[in-house]
Amino acid sequence: RYFMTAQEAARLVLEAAAIGSSGELLILDMGEPIKIL
């Protein structure tokens, strides 16, 4: 699974909302997935 901190998620979601346009899907780069085990 991918993980990020709450602060990073909030910041990137706000930035995505600022640059996105209607009908867009914005995908955040979360780095490499982490093995749950």
PDB file of all heavy atoms in Angstrom:
ATOM      1  N   ARG A   1       0.844  -1.183   0.000  1.00  0.00           N
ATOM      2  CA  ARG A   1       0.000   0.000   0.000  1.00  0.00           C
ATOM      3  C   ARG A   1       0.884   1.240   0.000  1.00  0.00           C
ATOM      4  O   ARG A   1       2.045   1.186   0.381  1.00  0.00           O
ATOM      5  CB  ARG A   1      -0.915   0.044   1.250  1.00  0.00           C
ATOM      6  CG  ARG A   1      -2.017  -0.994   1.269  1.00  0.00           C
ATOM      7  CD  ARG A   1      -3.041  -0.733   0.174  1.00  0.00           C
ATOM      8  NE  ARG A   1      -4.145  -1.662   0.192  1.00  0.00           N
ATOM      9  CZ  ARG A   1      -4.250  -2.730  -0.596  1.00  0.00           C
ATOM     10  NH1 ARG A   1      -3.307  -3.041  -1.430  1.00  0.00           N
ATOM     11  NH2 ARG A   1      -5.327  -3.491  -0.542  1.00  0.00           N
ATOM     12  N   TYR A   2       0.291   2.354  -0.430  1.00  0.00           N
ATOM     13  CA  TYR A   2       0.967   3.645  -0.392  1.00  0.00           C
ATOM     14  C   TYR A   2       0.575   4.360   0.893  1.00  0.00           C
ATOM     15  O   TYR A   2      -0.551   4.237   1.356  1.00  0.00           O
ATOM     16  CB  TYR A   2       0.535   4.517  -1.573  1.00  0.00           C
ATOM     17  CG  TYR A   2       1.013   3.998  -2.902  1.00  0.00           C
ATOM     18  CD1 TYR A   2       0.206   3.180  -3.686  1.00  0.00           C
ATOM     19  CD2 TYR A   2       2.267   4.344  -3.385  1.00  0.00           C
ATOM     20  CE1 TYR A   2       0.636   2.720  -4.914  1.00  0.00           C
ATOM     21  CE2 TYR A   2       2.712   3.877  -4.618  1.00  0.00           C
ATOM     22  CZ  TYR A   2       1.891   3.061  -5.378  1.00  0.00           C
ATOM     23  OH  TYR A   2       2.318   2.598  -6.592  1.00  0.00           O
ATOM     24  N   PHE A   3       1.518   5.128   1.454  1.00  0.00           N
ATOM     25  CA  PHE A   3       1.258   5.877   2.680  1.00  0.00           C
ATOM     26  C   PHE A   3       1.801   7.288   2.575  1.00  0.00           C
ATOM     27  O   PHE A   3       2.810   7.520   1.903  1.00  0.00           O
ATOM     28  CB  PHE A   3       1.926   5.190   3.891  1.00  0.00           C
ATOM     29  CG  PHE A   3       1.317   3.878   4.252  1.00  0.00           C
ATOM     30  CD1 PHE A   3       1.842   2.700   3.752  1.00  0.00           C
ATOM     31  CD2 PHE A   3       0.225   3.807   5.094  1.00  0.00           C
ATOM     32  CE1 PHE A   3       1.282   1.479   4.076  1.00  0.00           C
ATOM     33  CE2 PHE A   3      -0.343   2.590   5.426  1.00  0.00           C
ATOM     34  CZ  PHE A   3       0.195   1.424   4.923  1.00  0.00           C
ATOM     35  N   MET A   4       1.143   8.220   3.251  1.00  0.00           N
ATOM     36  CA  MET A   4       1.660   9.575   3.421  1.00  0.00           C
ATOM     37  C   MET A   4       1.151  10.128   4.740  1.00  0.00           C
ATOM     38  O   MET A   4       0.188   9.613   5.299  1.00  0.00           O
ATOM     39  CB  MET A   4       1.286  10.487   2.243  1.00  0.00           C
ATOM     40  CG  MET A   4      -0.187  10.783   2.114  1.00  0.00           C
ATOM     41  SD  MET A   4      -0.673  11.972   0.813  1.00  0.00           S
ATOM     42  CE  MET A   4       0.611  11.980  -0.355  1.00  0.00           C
ATOM     43  N   THR A   5       1.811  11.183   5.212  1.00  0.00           N
ATOM     44  CA  THR A   5       1.368  11.805   6.462  1.00  0.00           C
ATOM     45  C   THR A   5       0.129  12.650   6.202  1.00  0.00           C
ATOM     46  O   THR A   5      -0.135  13.058   5.067  1.00  0.00           O
ATOM     47  CB  THR A   5       2.464  12.691   7.056  1.00  0.00           C
ATOM     48  OG1 THR A   5       2.696  13.791   6.165  1.00  0.00           O
ATOM     49  CG2 THR A   5       3.756  11.913   7.298  1.00  0.00           C
ATOM     50  N   ALA A   6      -0.600  12.937   7.268  1.00  0.00           N
ATOM     51  CA  ALA A   6      -1.796  13.778   7.153  1.00  0.00           C
ATOM     52  C   ALA A   6      -1.423  15.165   6.647  1.00  0.00           C
ATOM     53  O   ALA A   6      -2.128  15.739   5.809  1.00  0.00           O
ATOM     54  CB  ALA A   6      -2.503  13.879   8.500  1.00  0.00           C
ATOM     55  N   GLN A   7      -0.308  15.713   7.124  1.00  0.00           N
ATOM     56  CA  GLN A   7       0.119  17.045   6.690  1.00  0.00           C
ATOM     57  C   GLN A   7       0.429  17.067   5.195  1.00  0.00           C
ATOM     58  O   GLN A   7       0.014  17.981   4.483  1.00  0.00           O
ATOM     59  CB  GLN A   7       1.359  17.508   7.482  1.00  0.00           C
ATOM     60  CG  GLN A   7       1.106  17.727   8.952  1.00  0.00           C
ATOM     61  CD  GLN A   7       1.144  16.419   9.762  1.00  0.00           C
ATOM     62  OE1 GLN A   7       1.390  15.325   9.272  1.00  0.00           O
ATOM     63  NE2 GLN A   7       0.859  16.558  11.055  1.00  0.00           N
ATOM     64  N   GLU A   8       1.146  16.051   4.715  1.00  0.00           N
ATOM     65  CA  GLU A   8       1.478  15.997   3.298  1.00  0.00           C
ATOM     66  C   GLU A   8       0.218  15.804   2.452  1.00  0.00           C
ATOM     67  O   GLU A   8       0.042  16.451   1.424  1.00  0.00           O
ATOM     68  CB  GLU A   8       2.474  14.873   3.022  1.00  0.00           C
ATOM     69  CG  GLU A   8       2.930  14.851   1.571  1.00  0.00           C
ATOM     70  CD  GLU A   8       3.941  13.752   1.277  1.00  0.00           C
ATOM     71  OE1 GLU A   8       4.029  12.777   2.038  1.00  0.00           O
ATOM     72  OE2 GLU A   8       4.625  13.874   0.256  1.00  0.00           O
ATOM     73  N   ALA A   9      -0.684  14.927   2.892  1.00  0.00           N
ATOM     74  CA  ALA A   9      -1.921  14.693   2.150  1.00  0.00           C
ATOM     75  C   ALA A   9      -2.748  15.968   2.063  1.00  0.00           C
ATOM     76  O   ALA A   9      -3.221  16.333   0.981  1.00  0.00           O
ATOM     77  CB  ALA A   9      -2.738  13.580   2.815  1.00  0.00           C
ATOM     78  N   ALA A  10      -2.915  16.670   3.175  1.00  0.00           N
ATOM     79  CA  ALA A  10      -3.719  17.903   3.184  1.00  0.00           C
ATOM     80  C   ALA A  10      -3.109  18.952   2.265  1.00  0.00           C
ATOM     81  O   ALA A  10      -3.809  19.596   1.470  1.00  0.00           O
ATOM     82  CB  ALA A  10      -3.830  18.448   4.606  1.00  0.00           C
ATOM     83  N   ARG A  11      -1.790  19.118   2.349  1.00  0.00           N
ATOM     84  CA  ARG A  11      -1.116  20.122   1.515  1.00  0.00           C
ATOM     85  C   ARG A  11      -1.286  19.794   0.023  1.00  0.00           C
ATOM     86  O   ARG A  11      -1.647  20.649  -0.777  1.00  0.00           O
ATOM     87  CB  ARG A  11       0.362  20.202   1.875  1.00  0.00           C
ATOM     88  CG  ARG A  11       1.131  21.260   1.094  1.00  0.00           C
ATOM     89  CD  ARG A  11       2.586  21.347   1.506  1.00  0.00           C
ATOM     90  NE  ARG A  11       3.302  20.074   1.547  1.00  0.00           N
ATOM     91  CZ  ARG A  11       3.756  19.438   0.473  1.00  0.00           C
ATOM     92  NH1 ARG A  11       3.563  19.932  -0.734  1.00  0.00           N
ATOM     93  NH2 ARG A  11       4.407  18.283   0.603  1.00  0.00           N
ATOM     94  N   LEU A  12      -1.062  18.541  -0.339  1.00  0.00           N
ATOM     95  CA  LEU A  12      -1.157  18.165  -1.747  1.00  0.00           C
ATOM     96  C   LEU A  12      -2.592  18.205  -2.270  1.00  0.00           C
ATOM     97  O   LEU A  12      -2.824  18.569  -3.420  1.00  0.00           O
ATOM     98  CB  LEU A  12      -0.536  16.778  -1.978  1.00  0.00           C
ATOM     99  CG  LEU A  12       0.988  16.732  -1.929  1.00  0.00           C
ATOM    100  CD1 LEU A  12       1.481  15.293  -1.995  1.00  0.00           C
ATOM    101  CD2 LEU A  12       1.594  17.552  -3.065  1.00  0.00           C
ATOM    102  N   VAL A  13      -3.558  17.845  -1.443  1.00  0.00           N
ATOM    103  CA  VAL A  13      -4.959  17.919  -1.875  1.00  0.00           C
ATOM    104  C   VAL A  13      -5.346  19.373  -2.138  1.00  0.00           C
ATOM    105  O   VAL A  13      -6.003  19.686  -3.141  1.00  0.00           O
ATOM    106  CB  VAL A  13      -5.902  17.255  -0.852  1.00  0.00           C
ATOM    107  CG1 VAL A  13      -7.358  17.612  -1.108  1.00  0.00           C
ATOM    108  CG2 VAL A  13      -5.723  15.738  -0.882  1.00  0.00           C
ATOM    109  N   LEU A  14      -4.934  20.283  -1.271  1.00  0.00           N
ATOM    110  CA  LEU A  14      -5.230  21.709  -1.488  1.00  0.00           C
ATOM    111  C   LEU A  14      -4.537  22.228  -2.748  1.00  0.00           C
ATOM    112  O   LEU A  14      -5.136  22.977  -3.534  1.00  0.00           O
ATOM    113  CB  LEU A  14      -4.819  22.534  -0.269  1.00  0.00           C
ATOM    114  CG  LEU A  14      -5.688  22.340   0.965  1.00  0.00           C
ATOM    115  CD1 LEU A  14      -5.086  23.058   2.170  1.00  0.00           C
ATOM    116  CD2 LEU A  14      -7.114  22.786   0.722  1.00  0.00           C
ATOM    117  N   GLU A  15      -3.296  21.827  -2.958  1.00  0.00           N
ATOM    118  CA  GLU A  15      -2.592  22.250  -4.169  1.00  0.00           C
ATOM    119  C   GLU A  15      -3.241  21.654  -5.415  1.00  0.00           C
ATOM    120  O   GLU A  15      -3.356  22.327  -6.442  1.00  0.00           O
ATOM    121  CB  GLU A  15      -1.117  21.882  -4.078  1.00  0.00           C
ATOM    122  CG  GLU A  15      -0.381  22.707  -3.031  1.00  0.00           C
ATOM    123  CD  GLU A  15       1.105  22.407  -2.958  1.00  0.00           C
ATOM    124  OE1 GLU A  15       1.727  22.217  -4.020  1.00  0.00           O
ATOM    125  OE2 GLU A  15       1.635  22.375  -1.835  1.00  0.00           O
ATOM    126  N   ALA A  16      -3.683  20.408  -5.325  1.00  0.00           N
ATOM    127  CA  ALA A  16      -4.368  19.771  -6.462  1.00  0.00           C
ATOM    128  C   ALA A  16      -5.660  20.506  -6.787  1.00  0.00           C
ATOM    129  O   ALA A  16      -5.983  20.731  -7.960  1.00  0.00           O
ATOM    130  CB  ALA A  16      -4.643  18.297  -6.159  1.00  0.00           C
ATOM    131  N   ALA A  17      -6.405  20.891  -5.764  1.00  0.00           N
ATOM    132  CA  ALA A  17      -7.653  21.631  -5.981  1.00  0.00           C
ATOM    133  C   ALA A  17      -7.379  22.966  -6.654  1.00  0.00           C
ATOM    134  O   ALA A  17      -8.162  23.423  -7.492  1.00  0.00           O
ATOM    135  CB  ALA A  17      -8.383  21.837  -4.655  1.00  0.00           C
ATOM    136  N   ALA A  18      -6.269  23.585  -6.316  1.00  0.00           N
ATOM    137  CA  ALA A  18      -5.932  24.889  -6.895  1.00  0.00           C
ATOM    138  C   ALA A  18      -5.541  24.781  -8.367  1.00  0.00           C
ATOM    139  O   ALA A  18      -5.862  25.665  -9.160  1.00  0.00           O
ATOM    140  CB  ALA A  18      -4.804  25.546  -6.101  1.00  0.00           C
ATOM    141  N   ILE A  19      -4.877  23.703  -8.754  1.00  0.00           N
ATOM    142  CA  ILE A  19      -4.403  23.607 -10.147  1.00  0.00           C
ATOM    143  C   ILE A  19      -5.324  22.789 -11.044  1.00  0.00           C
ATOM    144  O   ILE A  19      -5.216  22.855 -12.255  1.00  0.00           O
ATOM    145  CB  ILE A  19      -2.968  23.030 -10.223  1.00  0.00           C
ATOM    146  CG1 ILE A  19      -2.921  21.578  -9.737  1.00  0.00           C
ATOM    147  CG2 ILE A  19      -1.991  23.896  -9.470  1.00  0.00           C
ATOM    148  CD1 ILE A  19      -1.574  20.904  -9.950  1.00  0.00           C
ATOM    149  N   GLY A  20      -6.251  22.018 -10.453  1.00  0.00           N
ATOM    150  CA  GLY A  20      -7.095  21.133 -11.245  1.00  0.00           C
ATOM    151  C   GLY A  20      -8.220  21.852 -11.955  1.00  0.00           C
ATOM    152  O   GLY A  20      -8.638  22.936 -11.571  1.00  0.00           O
ATOM    153  N   SER A  21      -8.712  21.200 -13.010  1.00  0.00           N
ATOM    154  CA  SER A  21      -9.856  21.731 -13.735  1.00  0.00           C
ATOM    155  C   SER A  21     -10.992  20.714 -13.699  1.00  0.00           C
ATOM    156  O   SER A  21     -10.787  19.545 -13.389  1.00  0.00           O
ATOM    157  CB  SER A  21      -9.474  22.077 -15.176  1.00  0.00           C
ATOM    158  OG  SER A  21      -9.024  20.930 -15.864  1.00  0.00           O
ATOM    159  N   SER A  22     -12.182  21.162 -14.016  1.00  0.00           N
ATOM    160  CA  SER A  22     -13.368  20.326 -13.923  1.00  0.00           C
ATOM    161  C   SER A  22     -13.218  19.064 -14.773  1.00  0.00           C
ATOM    162  O   SER A  22     -12.749  19.119 -15.905  1.00  0.00           O
ATOM    163  CB  SER A  22     -14.590  21.125 -14.372  1.00  0.00           C
ATOM    164  OG  SER A  22     -15.765  20.494 -13.912  1.00  0.00           O
ATOM    165  N   GLY A  23     -13.611  17.942 -14.214  1.00  0.00           N
ATOM    166  CA  GLY A  23     -13.562  16.665 -14.919  1.00  0.00           C
ATOM    167  C   GLY A  23     -12.233  15.959 -14.803  1.00  0.00           C
ATOM    168  O   GLY A  23     -12.079  14.852 -15.303  1.00  0.00           O
ATOM    169  N   GLU A  24     -11.280  16.549 -14.128  1.00  0.00           N
ATOM    170  CA  GLU A  24      -9.959  15.964 -14.020  1.00  0.00           C
ATOM    171  C   GLU A  24      -9.868  14.992 -12.849  1.00  0.00           C
ATOM    172  O   GLU A  24     -10.546  15.149 -11.839  1.00  0.00           O
ATOM    173  CB  GLU A  24      -8.925  17.077 -13.769  1.00  0.00           C
ATOM    174  CG  GLU A  24      -7.856  17.135 -14.788  1.00  0.00           C
ATOM    175  CD  GLU A  24      -6.916  18.312 -14.553  1.00  0.00           C
ATOM    176  OE1 GLU A  24      -7.232  19.267 -13.825  1.00  0.00           O
ATOM    177  OE2 GLU A  24      -5.844  18.239 -15.140  1.00  0.00           O
ATOM    178  N   LEU A  25      -9.021  14.014 -13.008  1.00  0.00           N
ATOM    179  CA  LEU A  25      -8.625  13.136 -11.925  1.00  0.00           C
ATOM    180  C   LEU A  25      -7.173  13.471 -11.651  1.00  0.00           C
ATOM    181  O   LEU A  25      -6.329  13.358 -12.536  1.00  0.00           O
ATOM    182  CB  LEU A  25      -8.762  11.659 -12.323  1.00  0.00           C
ATOM    183  CG  LEU A  25      -8.156  10.643 -11.357  1.00  0.00           C
ATOM    184  CD1 LEU A  25      -8.857  10.699 -10.005  1.00  0.00           C
ATOM    185  CD2 LEU A  25      -8.225   9.253 -11.947  1.00  0.00           C
ATOM    186  N   LEU A  26      -6.883  13.937 -10.435  1.00  0.00           N
ATOM    187  CA  LEU A  26      -5.516  14.266 -10.053  1.00  0.00           C
ATOM    188  C   LEU A  26      -4.996  13.157  -9.157  1.00  0.00           C
ATOM    189  O   LEU A  26      -5.671  12.718  -8.221  1.00  0.00           O
ATOM    190  CB  LEU A  26      -5.467  15.617  -9.353  1.00  0.00           C
ATOM    191  CG  LEU A  26      -5.905  16.769 -10.271  1.00  0.00           C
ATOM    192  CD1 LEU A  26      -6.085  18.046  -9.488  1.00  0.00           C
ATOM    193  CD2 LEU A  26      -4.908  16.976 -11.390  1.00  0.00           C
ATOM    194  N   ILE A  27      -3.809  12.671  -9.460  1.00  0.00           N
ATOM    195  CA  ILE A  27      -3.217  11.546  -8.750  1.00  0.00           C
ATOM    196  C   ILE A  27      -1.946  12.033  -8.077  1.00  0.00           C
ATOM    197  O   ILE A  27      -1.079  12.619  -8.724  1.00  0.00           O
ATOM    198  CB  ILE A  27      -2.917  10.389  -9.725  1.00  0.00           C
ATOM    199  CG1 ILE A  27      -4.207   9.968 -10.435  1.00  0.00           C
ATOM    200  CG2 ILE A  27      -2.282   9.228  -8.990  1.00  0.00           C
ATOM    201  CD1 ILE A  27      -4.005   9.038 -11.602  1.00  0.00           C
ATOM    202  N   LEU A  28      -1.857  11.800  -6.778  1.00  0.00           N
ATOM    203  CA  LEU A  28      -0.696  12.241  -6.016  1.00  0.00           C
ATOM    204  C   LEU A  28       0.410  11.196  -6.086  1.00  0.00           C
ATOM    205  O   LEU A  28       0.150   9.996  -5.955  1.00  0.00           O
ATOM    206  CB  LEU A  28      -1.076  12.486  -4.555  1.00  0.00           C
ATOM    207  CG  LEU A  28      -2.236  13.444  -4.294  1.00  0.00           C
ATOM    208  CD1 LEU A  28      -2.411  13.657  -2.801  1.00  0.00           C
ATOM    209  CD2 LEU A  28      -2.045  14.765  -5.010  1.00  0.00           C
ATOM    210  N   ASP A  29       1.630  11.657  -6.290  1.00  0.00           N
ATOM    211  CA  ASP A  29       2.800  10.785  -6.264  1.00  0.00           C
ATOM    212  C   ASP A  29       3.121  10.486  -4.810  1.00  0.00           C
ATOM    213  O   ASP A  29       3.483  11.377  -4.050  1.00  0.00           O
ATOM    214  CB  ASP A  29       3.982  11.481  -6.941  1.00  0.00           C
ATOM    215  CG  ASP A  29       5.261  10.658  -6.880  1.00  0.00           C
ATOM    216  OD1 ASP A  29       5.254   9.539  -6.323  1.00  0.00           O
ATOM    217  OD2 ASP A  29       6.282  11.147  -7.391  1.00  0.00           O
ATOM    218  N   MET A  30       2.975   9.243  -4.422  1.00  0.00           N
ATOM    219  CA  MET A  30       3.190   8.862  -3.032  1.00  0.00           C
ATOM    220  C   MET A  30       4.466   8.062  -2.857  1.00  0.00           C
ATOM    221  O   MET A  30       4.670   7.403  -1.846  1.00  0.00           O
ATOM    222  CB  MET A  30       1.982   8.068  -2.533  1.00  0.00           C
ATOM    223  CG  MET A  30       0.722   8.895  -2.564  1.00  0.00           C
ATOM    224  SD  MET A  30      -0.622   8.143  -1.705  1.00  0.00           S
ATOM    225  CE  MET A  30      -0.021   8.100  -0.032  1.00  0.00           C
ATOM    226  N   GLY A  31       5.339   8.111  -3.848  1.00  0.00           N
ATOM    227  CA  GLY A  31       6.583   7.366  -3.735  1.00  0.00           C
ATOM    228  C   GLY A  31       6.361   5.888  -3.993  1.00  0.00           C
ATOM    229  O   GLY A  31       5.471   5.494  -4.729  1.00  0.00           O
ATOM    230  N   GLU A  32       7.177   5.093  -3.355  1.00  0.00           N
ATOM    231  CA  GLU A  32       7.107   3.647  -3.542  1.00  0.00           C
ATOM    232  C   GLU A  32       6.094   3.026  -2.581  1.00  0.00           C
ATOM    233  O   GLU A  32       5.986   3.458  -1.440  1.00  0.00           O
ATOM    234  CB  GLU A  32       8.486   3.023  -3.299  1.00  0.00           C
ATOM    235  CG  GLU A  32       9.528   3.447  -4.317  1.00  0.00           C
ATOM    236  CD  GLU A  32       9.163   3.035  -5.724  1.00  0.00           C
ATOM    237  OE1 GLU A  32       8.738   1.872  -5.929  1.00  0.00           O
ATOM    238  OE2 GLU A  32       9.276   3.890  -6.620  1.00  0.00           O
ATOM    239  N   PRO A  33       5.381   1.995  -3.024  1.00  0.00           N
ATOM    240  CA  PRO A  33       4.468   1.313  -2.104  1.00  0.00           C
ATOM    241  C   PRO A  33       5.257   0.590  -1.018  1.00  0.00           C
ATOM    242  O   PRO A  33       6.410   0.203  -1.217  1.00  0.00           O
ATOM    243  CB  PRO A  33       3.720   0.327  -3.005  1.00  0.00           C
ATOM    244  CG  PRO A  33       4.579   0.153  -4.194  1.00  0.00           C
ATOM    245  CD  PRO A  33       5.381   1.406  -4.356  1.00  0.00           C
ATOM    246  N   ILE A  34       4.622   0.415   0.114  1.00  0.00           N
ATOM    247  CA  ILE A  34       5.251  -0.231   1.262  1.00  0.00           C
ATOM    248  C   ILE A  34       4.608  -1.594   1.468  1.00  0.00           C
ATOM    249  O   ILE A  34       3.379  -1.722   1.426  1.00  0.00           O
ATOM    250  CB  ILE A  34       5.095   0.646   2.521  1.00  0.00           C
ATOM    251  CG1 ILE A  34       5.880   1.930   2.314  1.00  0.00           C
ATOM    252  CG2 ILE A  34       5.531  -0.094   3.773  1.00  0.00           C
ATOM    253  CD1 ILE A  34       5.778   2.919   3.429  1.00  0.00           C
ATOM    254  N   LYS A  35       5.429  -2.571   1.685  1.00  0.00           N
ATOM    255  CA  LYS A  35       4.939  -3.916   1.954  1.00  0.00           C
ATOM    256  C   LYS A  35       4.358  -3.929   3.372  1.00  0.00           C
ATOM    257  O   LYS A  35       5.032  -3.589   4.342  1.00  0.00           O
ATOM    258  CB  LYS A  35       6.092  -4.908   1.818  1.00  0.00           C
ATOM    259  CG  LYS A  35       5.692  -6.329   1.702  1.00  0.00           C
ATOM    260  CD  LYS A  35       6.910  -7.155   1.338  1.00  0.00           C
ATOM    261  CE  LYS A  35       6.590  -8.618   1.348  1.00  0.00           C
ATOM    262  NZ  LYS A  35       7.787  -9.412   1.030  1.00  0.00           N
ATOM    263  N   ILE A  36       3.100  -4.301   3.489  1.00  0.00           N
ATOM    264  CA  ILE A  36       2.393  -4.275   4.771  1.00  0.00           C
ATOM    265  C   ILE A  36       3.078  -5.183   5.795  1.00  0.00           C
ATOM    266  O   ILE A  36       3.179  -4.838   6.969  1.00  0.00           O
ATOM    267  CB  ILE A  36       0.910  -4.669   4.590  1.00  0.00           C
ATOM    268  CG1 ILE A  36       0.192  -3.647   3.702  1.00  0.00           C
ATOM    269  CG2 ILE A  36       0.217  -4.817   5.930  1.00  0.00           C
ATOM    270  CD1 ILE A  36       0.095  -2.258   4.291  1.00  0.00           C
ATOM    271  N   LEU A  37       3.589  -6.314   5.359  1.00  0.00           N
ATOM    272  CA  LEU A  37       4.280  -7.213   6.289  1.00  0.00           C
ATOM    273  C   LEU A  37       5.515  -6.530   6.873  1.00  0.00           C
ATOM    274  O   LEU A  37       5.777  -6.647   8.075  1.00  0.00           O
ATOM    275  CB  LEU A  37       4.648  -8.525   5.600  1.00  0.00           C
ATOM    276  CG  LEU A  37       5.364  -9.549   6.482  1.00  0.00           C
ATOM    277  CD1 LEU A  37       4.534  -9.901   7.711  1.00  0.00           C
ATOM    278  CD2 LEU A  37       5.694 -10.795   5.672  1.00  0.00           C
TER     279      LEU A  37
END
